[in-house]
Amino acid sequence: MVIASSTVWSASASLSSRVRRLREEFFSFYSRDYFRNEVRPYTSGLPWDVVWSPHNWTVAPELYPFLSAYQDSLLAAAERVELPSGFWREPLVVRRALFFRTVL
């Protein structure tokens, strides 16, 4: 029995309504006018700045050889963000909130 590739990669008919809705939302990135699953790197511009590291999040071992390249590429493409005065004197939780308020 040959199964068409469209059948293999289609959602199961037994998906719950919640999972079906989440799946449709995830795969709608071409048609929505808001967040499109894009990684948006930011930097303070300081020489020791780092960006998000995929090393902490991936579960796909075949990607591991490329993780440093991903991280370097994100830093090279990062948009510079001016940090508010006194930023580095704040506790980490406050710095995160200030940073996200600035970029979002």
PDB file of N, CA and C in Angstrom:
ATOM      1  N   MET A   1       0.843  -1.186   0.000  1.00  0.00           N
ATOM      2  CA  MET A   1       0.000   0.000   0.000  1.00  0.00           C
ATOM      3  C   MET A   1       0.882   1.241   0.000  1.00  0.00           C
ATOM      4  N   VAL A   2       0.663   2.123  -0.931  1.00  0.00           N
ATOM      5  CA  VAL A   2       1.415   3.367  -1.033  1.00  0.00           C
ATOM      6  C   VAL A   2       0.578   4.489  -0.424  1.00  0.00           C
ATOM      7  N   ILE A   3       1.221   5.266   0.436  1.00  0.00           N
ATOM      8  CA  ILE A   3       0.533   6.385   1.081  1.00  0.00           C
ATOM      9  C   ILE A   3       1.073   7.682   0.494  1.00  0.00           C
ATOM     10  N   ALA A   4       0.203   8.559   0.096  1.00  0.00           N
ATOM     11  CA  ALA A   4       0.606   9.849  -0.466  1.00  0.00           C
ATOM     12  C   ALA A   4       1.314  10.678   0.598  1.00  0.00           C
ATOM     13  N   SER A   5       2.335  11.424   0.174  1.00  0.00           N
ATOM     14  CA  SER A   5       3.083  12.239   1.133  1.00  0.00           C
ATOM     15  C   SER A   5       2.183  13.259   1.817  1.00  0.00           C
ATOM     16  N   SER A   6       1.166  13.746   1.125  1.00  0.00           N
ATOM     17  CA  SER A   6       0.247  14.702   1.754  1.00  0.00           C
ATOM     18  C   SER A   6      -0.512  14.066   2.913  1.00  0.00           C
ATOM     19  N   THR A   7      -0.736  12.771   2.841  1.00  0.00           N
ATOM     20  CA  THR A   7      -1.407  12.054   3.923  1.00  0.00           C
ATOM     21  C   THR A   7      -0.459  11.840   5.095  1.00  0.00           C
ATOM     22  N   VAL A   8       0.780  11.498   4.790  1.00  0.00           N
ATOM     23  CA  VAL A   8       1.773  11.250   5.841  1.00  0.00           C
ATOM     24  C   VAL A   8       1.996  12.504   6.677  1.00  0.00           C
ATOM     25  N   TRP A   9       2.062  13.667   6.020  1.00  0.00           N
ATOM     26  CA  TRP A   9       2.388  14.903   6.724  1.00  0.00           C
ATOM     27  C   TRP A   9       1.156  15.688   7.162  1.00  0.00           C
ATOM     28  N   SER A  10      -0.019  15.149   7.006  1.00  0.00           N
ATOM     29  CA  SER A  10      -1.246  15.821   7.436  1.00  0.00           C
ATOM     30  C   SER A  10      -1.522  15.531   8.906  1.00  0.00           C
ATOM     31  N   ALA A  11      -2.281  16.428   9.500  1.00  0.00           N
ATOM     32  CA  ALA A  11      -2.654  16.232  10.902  1.00  0.00           C
ATOM     33  C   ALA A  11      -3.579  15.037  11.036  1.00  0.00           C
ATOM     34  N   SER A  12      -3.447  14.347  12.126  1.00  0.00           N
ATOM     35  CA  SER A  12      -4.320  13.215  12.412  1.00  0.00           C
ATOM     36  C   SER A  12      -5.753  13.704  12.620  1.00  0.00           C
ATOM     37  N   ALA A  13      -6.685  12.931  12.170  1.00  0.00           N
ATOM     38  CA  ALA A  13      -8.101  13.274  12.372  1.00  0.00           C
ATOM     39  C   ALA A  13      -8.486  13.204  13.843  1.00  0.00           C
ATOM     40  N   SER A  14      -7.673  12.533  14.656  1.00  0.00           N
ATOM     41  CA  SER A  14      -8.014  12.363  16.070  1.00  0.00           C
ATOM     42  C   SER A  14      -7.440  13.457  16.971  1.00  0.00           C
ATOM     43  N   LEU A  15      -6.863  14.522  16.390  1.00  0.00           N
ATOM     44  CA  LEU A  15      -6.341  15.603  17.225  1.00  0.00           C
ATOM     45  C   LEU A  15      -7.474  16.261  17.999  1.00  0.00           C
ATOM     46  N   SER A  16      -7.178  16.626  19.234  1.00  0.00           N
ATOM     47  CA  SER A  16      -8.181  17.352  20.021  1.00  0.00           C
ATOM     48  C   SER A  16      -8.365  18.741  19.404  1.00  0.00           C
ATOM     49  N   SER A  17      -9.452  19.395  19.716  1.00  0.00           N
ATOM     50  CA  SER A  17      -9.698  20.726  19.147  1.00  0.00           C
ATOM     51  C   SER A  17      -8.615  21.712  19.577  1.00  0.00           C
ATOM     52  N   ARG A  18      -8.119  21.582  20.803  1.00  0.00           N
ATOM     53  CA  ARG A  18      -7.054  22.465  21.287  1.00  0.00           C
ATOM     54  C   ARG A  18      -5.773  22.255  20.492  1.00  0.00           C
ATOM     55  N   VAL A  19      -5.358  21.013  20.329  1.00  0.00           N
ATOM     56  CA  VAL A  19      -4.128  20.720  19.589  1.00  0.00           C
ATOM     57  C   VAL A  19      -4.283  21.118  18.122  1.00  0.00           C
ATOM     58  N   ARG A  20      -5.441  20.880  17.545  1.00  0.00           N
ATOM     59  CA  ARG A  20      -5.687  21.274  16.151  1.00  0.00           C
ATOM     60  C   ARG A  20      -5.555  22.798  16.000  1.00  0.00           C
ATOM     61  N   ARG A  21      -6.141  23.553  16.953  1.00  0.00           N
ATOM     62  CA  ARG A  21      -6.057  25.014  16.913  1.00  0.00           C
ATOM     63  C   ARG A  21      -4.606  25.482  17.048  1.00  0.00           C
ATOM     64  N   LEU A  22      -3.847  24.880  17.973  1.00  0.00           N
ATOM     65  CA  LEU A  22      -2.442  25.244  18.144  1.00  0.00           C
ATOM     66  C   LEU A  22      -1.629  24.915  16.900  1.00  0.00           C
ATOM     67  N   ARG A  23      -1.908  23.787  16.280  1.00  0.00           N
ATOM     68  CA  ARG A  23      -1.200  23.388  15.060  1.00  0.00           C
ATOM     69  C   ARG A  23      -1.494  24.374  13.926  1.00  0.00           C
ATOM     70  N   GLU A  24      -2.760  24.739  13.767  1.00  0.00           N
ATOM     71  CA  GLU A  24      -3.129  25.699  12.722  1.00  0.00           C
ATOM     72  C   GLU A  24      -2.468  27.051  12.965  1.00  0.00           C
ATOM     73  N   GLU A  25      -2.408  27.471  14.221  1.00  0.00           N
ATOM     74  CA  GLU A  25      -1.749  28.732  14.560  1.00  0.00           C
ATOM     75  C   GLU A  25      -0.264  28.667  14.225  1.00  0.00           C
ATOM     76  N   PHE A  26       0.399  27.577  14.595  1.00  0.00           N
ATOM     77  CA  PHE A  26       1.830  27.438  14.344  1.00  0.00           C
ATOM     78  C   PHE A  26       2.140  27.509  12.855  1.00  0.00           C
ATOM     79  N   PHE A  27       1.362  26.816  12.040  1.00  0.00           N
ATOM     80  CA  PHE A  27       1.644  26.748  10.612  1.00  0.00           C
ATOM     81  C   PHE A  27       1.039  27.897   9.816  1.00  0.00           C
ATOM     82  N   SER A  28       0.465  28.896  10.475  1.00  0.00           N
ATOM     83  CA  SER A  28      -0.125  30.027   9.759  1.00  0.00           C
ATOM     84  C   SER A  28       0.851  31.194   9.622  1.00  0.00           C
ATOM     85  N   PHE A  29       2.145  30.974   9.831  1.00  0.00           N
ATOM     86  CA  PHE A  29       3.083  32.093   9.880  1.00  0.00           C
ATOM     87  C   PHE A  29       3.184  32.885   8.581  1.00  0.00           C
ATOM     88  N   TYR A  30       2.829  32.322   7.440  1.00  0.00           N
ATOM     89  CA  TYR A  30       2.860  33.086   6.186  1.00  0.00           C
ATOM     90  C   TYR A  30       1.642  33.993   6.040  1.00  0.00           C
ATOM     91  N   SER A  31       0.551  33.644   6.654  1.00  0.00           N
ATOM     92  CA  SER A  31      -0.680  34.403   6.447  1.00  0.00           C
ATOM     93  C   SER A  31      -1.005  35.378   7.578  1.00  0.00           C
ATOM     94  N   ARG A  32      -0.334  35.286   8.716  1.00  0.00           N
ATOM     95  CA  ARG A  32      -0.677  36.199   9.806  1.00  0.00           C
ATOM     96  C   ARG A  32       0.141  37.484   9.717  1.00  0.00           C
ATOM     97  N   ASP A  33      -0.410  38.551  10.233  1.00  0.00           N
ATOM     98  CA  ASP A  33       0.256  39.853  10.153  1.00  0.00           C
ATOM     99  C   ASP A  33       0.960  40.215  11.464  1.00  0.00           C
ATOM    100  N   TYR A  34       1.206  39.246  12.311  1.00  0.00           N
ATOM    101  CA  TYR A  34       1.923  39.467  13.561  1.00  0.00           C
ATOM    102  C   TYR A  34       3.038  38.431  13.663  1.00  0.00           C
ATOM    103  N   PHE A  35       3.540  38.184  14.823  1.00  0.00           N
ATOM    104  CA  PHE A  35       4.690  37.310  15.069  1.00  0.00           C
ATOM    105  C   PHE A  35       4.721  36.095  14.145  1.00  0.00           C
ATOM    106  N   ARG A  36       5.847  35.898  13.504  1.00  0.00           N
ATOM    107  CA  ARG A  36       5.958  34.841  12.497  1.00  0.00           C
ATOM    108  C   ARG A  36       7.016  33.793  12.840  1.00  0.00           C
ATOM    109  N   ASN A  37       7.201  33.472  14.088  1.00  0.00           N
ATOM    110  CA  ASN A  37       8.174  32.454  14.518  1.00  0.00           C
ATOM    111  C   ASN A  37       9.601  32.831  14.126  1.00  0.00           C
ATOM    112  N   GLU A  38       9.881  34.116  14.035  1.00  0.00           N
ATOM    113  CA  GLU A  38      11.204  34.581  13.646  1.00  0.00           C
ATOM    114  C   GLU A  38      12.053  34.827  14.888  1.00  0.00           C
ATOM    115  N   VAL A  39      13.319  34.519  14.793  1.00  0.00           N
ATOM    116  CA  VAL A  39      14.257  34.844  15.860  1.00  0.00           C
ATOM    117  C   VAL A  39      14.725  36.270  15.609  1.00  0.00           C
ATOM    118  N   ARG A  40      14.598  37.130  16.614  1.00  0.00           N
ATOM    119  CA  ARG A  40      15.012  38.523  16.475  1.00  0.00           C
ATOM    120  C   ARG A  40      16.107  38.793  17.492  1.00  0.00           C
ATOM    121  N   PRO A  41      17.372  38.815  17.076  1.00  0.00           N
ATOM    122  CA  PRO A  41      18.462  39.043  18.024  1.00  0.00           C
ATOM    123  C   PRO A  41      18.662  40.528  18.333  1.00  0.00           C
ATOM    124  N   TYR A  42      19.008  40.808  19.573  1.00  0.00           N
ATOM    125  CA  TYR A  42      19.297  42.165  20.025  1.00  0.00           C
ATOM    126  C   TYR A  42      20.624  42.147  20.766  1.00  0.00           C
ATOM    127  N   THR A  43      21.300  43.297  20.792  1.00  0.00           N
ATOM    128  CA  THR A  43      22.567  43.419  21.503  1.00  0.00           C
ATOM    129  C   THR A  43      22.658  44.791  22.152  1.00  0.00           C
ATOM    130  N   SER A  44      23.428  44.868  23.214  1.00  0.00           N
ATOM    131  CA  SER A  44      23.720  46.158  23.831  1.00  0.00           C
ATOM    132  C   SER A  44      24.875  46.831  23.103  1.00  0.00           C
ATOM    133  N   GLY A  45      25.567  46.069  22.265  1.00  0.00           N
ATOM    134  CA  GLY A  45      26.713  46.598  21.538  1.00  0.00           C
ATOM    135  C   GLY A  45      28.015  46.492  22.311  1.00  0.00           C
ATOM    136  N   LEU A  46      27.950  46.005  23.537  1.00  0.00           N
ATOM    137  CA  LEU A  46      29.168  45.856  24.336  1.00  0.00           C
ATOM    138  C   LEU A  46      29.976  44.676  23.815  1.00  0.00           C
ATOM    139  N   PRO A  47      31.314  44.747  23.878  1.00  0.00           N
ATOM    140  CA  PRO A  47      32.146  43.688  23.299  1.00  0.00           C
ATOM    141  C   PRO A  47      31.916  42.308  23.916  1.00  0.00           C
ATOM    142  N   TRP A  48      31.469  42.261  25.151  1.00  0.00           N
ATOM    143  CA  TRP A  48      31.274  40.975  25.828  1.00  0.00           C
ATOM    144  C   TRP A  48      29.829  40.503  25.780  1.00  0.00           C
ATOM    145  N   ASP A  49      29.004  41.190  24.995  1.00  0.00           N
ATOM    146  CA  ASP A  49      27.589  40.829  24.917  1.00  0.00           C
ATOM    147  C   ASP A  49      27.411  39.459  24.266  1.00  0.00           C
ATOM    148  N   VAL A  50      26.426  38.736  24.722  1.00  0.00           N
ATOM    149  CA  VAL A  50      26.068  37.448  24.120  1.00  0.00           C
ATOM    150  C   VAL A  50      24.589  37.495  23.766  1.00  0.00           C
ATOM    151  N   VAL A  51      24.196  36.665  22.840  1.00  0.00           N
ATOM    152  CA  VAL A  51      22.787  36.560  22.468  1.00  0.00           C
ATOM    153  C   VAL A  51      22.275  35.200  22.912  1.00  0.00           C
ATOM    154  N   TRP A  52      21.016  34.969  22.684  1.00  0.00           N
ATOM    155  CA  TRP A  52      20.398  33.686  23.022  1.00  0.00           C
ATOM    156  C   TRP A  52      21.246  32.548  22.479  1.00  0.00           C
ATOM    157  N   SER A  53      21.417  31.541  23.268  1.00  0.00           N
ATOM    158  CA  SER A  53      22.222  30.396  22.859  1.00  0.00           C
ATOM    159  C   SER A  53      21.350  29.174  22.644  1.00  0.00           C
ATOM    160  N   PRO A  54      21.382  28.617  21.436  1.00  0.00           N
ATOM    161  CA  PRO A  54      20.597  27.407  21.193  1.00  0.00           C
ATOM    162  C   PRO A  54      21.139  26.192  21.945  1.00  0.00           C
ATOM    163  N   HIS A  55      22.360  26.298  22.494  1.00  0.00           N
ATOM    164  CA  HIS A  55      22.950  25.170  23.220  1.00  0.00           C
ATOM    165  C   HIS A  55      22.062  24.706  24.374  1.00  0.00           C
ATOM    166  N   ASN A  56      21.352  25.640  24.970  1.00  0.00           N
ATOM    167  CA  ASN A  56      20.540  25.319  26.143  1.00  0.00           C
ATOM    168  C   ASN A  56      19.162  24.776  25.804  1.00  0.00           C
ATOM    169  N   TRP A  57      18.770  24.821  24.545  1.00  0.00           N
ATOM    170  CA  TRP A  57      17.384  24.527  24.214  1.00  0.00           C
ATOM    171  C   TRP A  57      17.182  23.401  23.221  1.00  0.00           C
ATOM    172  N   THR A  58      18.168  23.060  22.434  1.00  0.00           N
ATOM    173  CA  THR A  58      17.937  22.066  21.388  1.00  0.00           C
ATOM    174  C   THR A  58      17.948  20.650  21.943  1.00  0.00           C
ATOM    175  N   VAL A  59      17.173  19.804  21.330  1.00  0.00           N
ATOM    176  CA  VAL A  59      17.158  18.390  21.692  1.00  0.00           C
ATOM    177  C   VAL A  59      17.505  17.538  20.480  1.00  0.00           C
ATOM    178  N   ALA A  60      17.971  18.187  19.427  1.00  0.00           N
ATOM    179  CA  ALA A  60      18.304  17.472  18.194  1.00  0.00           C
ATOM    180  C   ALA A  60      19.824  17.366  18.075  1.00  0.00           C
ATOM    181  N   PRO A  61      20.393  16.195  18.374  1.00  0.00           N
ATOM    182  CA  PRO A  61      21.849  16.068  18.371  1.00  0.00           C
ATOM    183  C   PRO A  61      22.491  16.356  17.018  1.00  0.00           C
ATOM    184  N   GLU A  62      21.759  16.153  15.933  1.00  0.00           N
ATOM    185  CA  GLU A  62      22.346  16.405  14.616  1.00  0.00           C
ATOM    186  C   GLU A  62      22.570  17.899  14.360  1.00  0.00           C
ATOM    187  N   LEU A  63      21.962  18.764  15.175  1.00  0.00           N
ATOM    188  CA  LEU A  63      22.172  20.202  15.028  1.00  0.00           C
ATOM    189  C   LEU A  63      23.391  20.703  15.791  1.00  0.00           C
ATOM    190  N   TYR A  64      23.878  19.914  16.724  1.00  0.00           N
ATOM    191  CA  TYR A  64      24.939  20.382  17.617  1.00  0.00           C
ATOM    192  C   TYR A  64      26.156  20.957  16.887  1.00  0.00           C
ATOM    193  N   PRO A  65      26.638  20.354  15.788  1.00  0.00           N
ATOM    194  CA  PRO A  65      27.802  20.936  15.098  1.00  0.00           C
ATOM    195  C   PRO A  65      27.556  22.354  14.571  1.00  0.00           C
ATOM    196  N   PHE A  66      26.304  22.757  14.433  1.00  0.00           N
ATOM    197  CA  PHE A  66      25.987  24.058  13.851  1.00  0.00           C
ATOM    198  C   PHE A  66      25.627  25.120  14.887  1.00  0.00           C
ATOM    199  N   LEU A  67      25.534  24.750  16.156  1.00  0.00           N
ATOM    200  CA  LEU A  67      25.035  25.674  17.169  1.00  0.00           C
ATOM    201  C   LEU A  67      25.913  26.906  17.343  1.00  0.00           C
ATOM    202  N   SER A  68      27.216  26.741  17.308  1.00  0.00           N
ATOM    203  CA  SER A  68      28.102  27.907  17.436  1.00  0.00           C
ATOM    204  C   SER A  68      27.914  28.861  16.265  1.00  0.00           C
ATOM    205  N   ALA A  69      27.718  28.305  15.077  1.00  0.00           N
ATOM    206  CA  ALA A  69      27.469  29.151  13.902  1.00  0.00           C
ATOM    207  C   ALA A  69      26.152  29.904  14.049  1.00  0.00           C
ATOM    208  N   TYR A  70      25.118  29.249  14.585  1.00  0.00           N
ATOM    209  CA  TYR A  70      23.842  29.930  14.818  1.00  0.00           C
ATOM    210  C   TYR A  70      24.047  31.100  15.773  1.00  0.00           C
ATOM    211  N   GLN A  71      24.764  30.844  16.863  1.00  0.00           N
ATOM    212  CA  GLN A  71      24.982  31.876  17.866  1.00  0.00           C
ATOM    213  C   GLN A  71      25.785  33.038  17.277  1.00  0.00           C
ATOM    214  N   ASP A  72      26.839  32.747  16.528  1.00  0.00           N
ATOM    215  CA  ASP A  72      27.639  33.798  15.898  1.00  0.00           C
ATOM    216  C   ASP A  72      26.815  34.596  14.894  1.00  0.00           C
ATOM    217  N   SER A  73      25.968  33.900  14.143  1.00  0.00           N
ATOM    218  CA  SER A  73      25.123  34.575  13.148  1.00  0.00           C
ATOM    219  C   SER A  73      24.112  35.494  13.821  1.00  0.00           C
ATOM    220  N   LEU A  74      23.542  35.031  14.927  1.00  0.00           N
ATOM    221  CA  LEU A  74      22.596  35.874  15.656  1.00  0.00           C
ATOM    222  C   LEU A  74      23.275  37.136  16.169  1.00  0.00           C
ATOM    223  N   LEU A  75      24.475  37.002  16.704  1.00  0.00           N
ATOM    224  CA  LEU A  75      25.190  38.169  17.211  1.00  0.00           C
ATOM    225  C   LEU A  75      25.535  39.128  16.073  1.00  0.00           C
ATOM    226  N   ALA A  76      25.940  38.587  14.925  1.00  0.00           N
ATOM    227  CA  ALA A  76      26.273  39.435  13.775  1.00  0.00           C
ATOM    228  C   ALA A  76      25.051  40.184  13.248  1.00  0.00           C
ATOM    229  N   ALA A  77      23.882  39.578  13.343  1.00  0.00           N
ATOM    230  CA  ALA A  77      22.659  40.186  12.811  1.00  0.00           C
ATOM    231  C   ALA A  77      21.891  40.995  13.858  1.00  0.00           C
ATOM    232  N   ALA A  78      22.392  41.030  15.080  1.00  0.00           N
ATOM    233  CA  ALA A  78      21.644  41.639  16.180  1.00  0.00           C
ATOM    234  C   ALA A  78      21.435  43.138  15.988  1.00  0.00           C
ATOM    235  N   GLU A  79      20.255  43.572  16.373  1.00  0.00           N
ATOM    236  CA  GLU A  79      19.912  44.990  16.355  1.00  0.00           C
ATOM    237  C   GLU A  79      20.373  45.601  17.680  1.00  0.00           C
ATOM    238  N   ARG A  80      21.068  46.728  17.596  1.00  0.00           N
ATOM    239  CA  ARG A  80      21.581  47.351  18.811  1.00  0.00           C
ATOM    240  C   ARG A  80      20.452  48.050  19.572  1.00  0.00           C
ATOM    241  N   VAL A  81      20.464  47.854  20.884  1.00  0.00           N
ATOM    242  CA  VAL A  81      19.456  48.436  21.767  1.00  0.00           C
ATOM    243  C   VAL A  81      20.170  49.305  22.796  1.00  0.00           C
ATOM    244  N   GLU A  82      19.727  50.547  22.920  1.00  0.00           N
ATOM    245  CA  GLU A  82      20.276  51.429  23.946  1.00  0.00           C
ATOM    246  C   GLU A  82      19.649  51.055  25.285  1.00  0.00           C
ATOM    247  N   LEU A  83      20.492  50.789  26.258  1.00  0.00           N
ATOM    248  CA  LEU A  83      20.000  50.397  27.581  1.00  0.00           C
ATOM    249  C   LEU A  83      19.735  51.633  28.426  1.00  0.00           C
ATOM    250  N   PRO A  84      18.707  51.595  29.263  1.00  0.00           N
ATOM    251  CA  PRO A  84      18.389  52.751  30.099  1.00  0.00           C
ATOM    252  C   PRO A  84      19.499  53.035  31.114  1.00  0.00           C
ATOM    253  N   SER A  85      19.574  54.260  31.534  1.00  0.00           N
ATOM    254  CA  SER A  85      20.551  54.659  32.545  1.00  0.00           C
ATOM    255  C   SER A  85      20.356  53.818  33.805  1.00  0.00           C
ATOM    256  N   GLY A  86      21.446  53.346  34.384  1.00  0.00           N
ATOM    257  CA  GLY A  86      21.391  52.546  35.607  1.00  0.00           C
ATOM    258  C   GLY A  86      21.026  51.094  35.385  1.00  0.00           C
ATOM    259  N   PHE A  87      20.947  50.680  34.134  1.00  0.00           N
ATOM    260  CA  PHE A  87      20.522  49.317  33.792  1.00  0.00           C
ATOM    261  C   PHE A  87      21.325  48.254  34.540  1.00  0.00           C
ATOM    262  N   TRP A  88      22.651  48.382  34.561  1.00  0.00           N
ATOM    263  CA  TRP A  88      23.509  47.333  35.129  1.00  0.00           C
ATOM    264  C   TRP A  88      23.496  47.312  36.652  1.00  0.00           C
ATOM    265  N   ARG A  89      22.929  48.335  37.282  1.00  0.00           N
ATOM    266  CA  ARG A  89      22.825  48.332  38.749  1.00  0.00           C
ATOM    267  C   ARG A  89      21.570  47.608  39.235  1.00  0.00           C
ATOM    268  N   GLU A  90      20.679  47.285  38.319  1.00  0.00           N
ATOM    269  CA  GLU A  90      19.423  46.615  38.669  1.00  0.00           C
ATOM    270  C   GLU A  90      19.630  45.110  38.811  1.00  0.00           C
ATOM    271  N   PRO A  91      18.790  44.432  39.617  1.00  0.00           N
ATOM    272  CA  PRO A  91      18.859  42.967  39.689  1.00  0.00           C
ATOM    273  C   PRO A  91      18.463  42.361  38.336  1.00  0.00           C
ATOM    274  N   LEU A  92      18.873  41.139  38.109  1.00  0.00           N
ATOM    275  CA  LEU A  92      18.641  40.470  36.830  1.00  0.00           C
ATOM    276  C   LEU A  92      17.169  40.483  36.420  1.00  0.00           C
ATOM    277  N   VAL A  93      16.272  40.203  37.346  1.00  0.00           N
ATOM    278  CA  VAL A  93      14.847  40.154  37.000  1.00  0.00           C
ATOM    279  C   VAL A  93      14.365  41.515  36.488  1.00  0.00           C
ATOM    280  N   VAL A  94      14.865  42.596  37.061  1.00  0.00           N
ATOM    281  CA  VAL A  94      14.485  43.942  36.619  1.00  0.00           C
ATOM    282  C   VAL A  94      15.129  44.249  35.271  1.00  0.00           C
ATOM    283  N   ARG A  95      16.396  43.853  35.098  1.00  0.00           N
ATOM    284  CA  ARG A  95      17.066  44.071  33.801  1.00  0.00           C
ATOM    285  C   ARG A  95      16.312  43.372  32.684  1.00  0.00           C
ATOM    286  N   ARG A  96      15.865  42.148  32.936  1.00  0.00           N
ATOM    287  CA  ARG A  96      15.096  41.428  31.910  1.00  0.00           C
ATOM    288  C   ARG A  96      13.814  42.182  31.570  1.00  0.00           C
ATOM    289  N   ALA A  97      13.105  42.640  32.581  1.00  0.00           N
ATOM    290  CA  ALA A  97      11.856  43.373  32.345  1.00  0.00           C
ATOM    291  C   ALA A  97      12.119  44.660  31.571  1.00  0.00           C
ATOM    292  N   LEU A  98      13.159  45.395  31.940  1.00  0.00           N
ATOM    293  CA  LEU A  98      13.504  46.629  31.230  1.00  0.00           C
ATOM    294  C   LEU A  98      13.874  46.346  29.782  1.00  0.00           C
ATOM    295  N   PHE A  99      14.650  45.304  29.583  1.00  0.00           N
ATOM    296  CA  PHE A  99      15.087  44.953  28.231  1.00  0.00           C
ATOM    297  C   PHE A  99      13.890  44.581  27.356  1.00  0.00           C
ATOM    298  N   PHE A 100      13.024  43.714  27.866  1.00  0.00           N
ATOM    299  CA  PHE A 100      11.863  43.301  27.071  1.00  0.00           C
ATOM    300  C   PHE A 100      10.905  44.460  26.828  1.00  0.00           C
ATOM    301  N   ARG A 101      10.779  45.357  27.802  1.00  0.00           N
ATOM    302  CA  ARG A 101       9.930  46.533  27.578  1.00  0.00           C
ATOM    303  C   ARG A 101      10.500  47.386  26.447  1.00  0.00           C
ATOM    304  N   THR A 102      11.823  47.454  26.359  1.00  0.00           N
ATOM    305  CA  THR A 102      12.473  48.243  25.313  1.00  0.00           C
ATOM    306  C   THR A 102      12.291  47.622  23.932  1.00  0.00           C
ATOM    307  N   VAL A 103      12.481  46.319  23.819  1.00  0.00           N
ATOM    308  CA  VAL A 103      12.466  45.688  22.487  1.00  0.00           C
ATOM    309  C   VAL A 103      11.082  45.247  22.033  1.00  0.00           C
ATOM    310  N   LEU A 104      10.162  45.051  22.960  1.00  0.00           N
ATOM    311  CA  LEU A 104       8.820  44.633  22.561  1.00  0.00           C
ATOM    312  C   LEU A 104       7.896  45.816  22.579  1.00  0.00           C
TER     313      LEU A 104
END
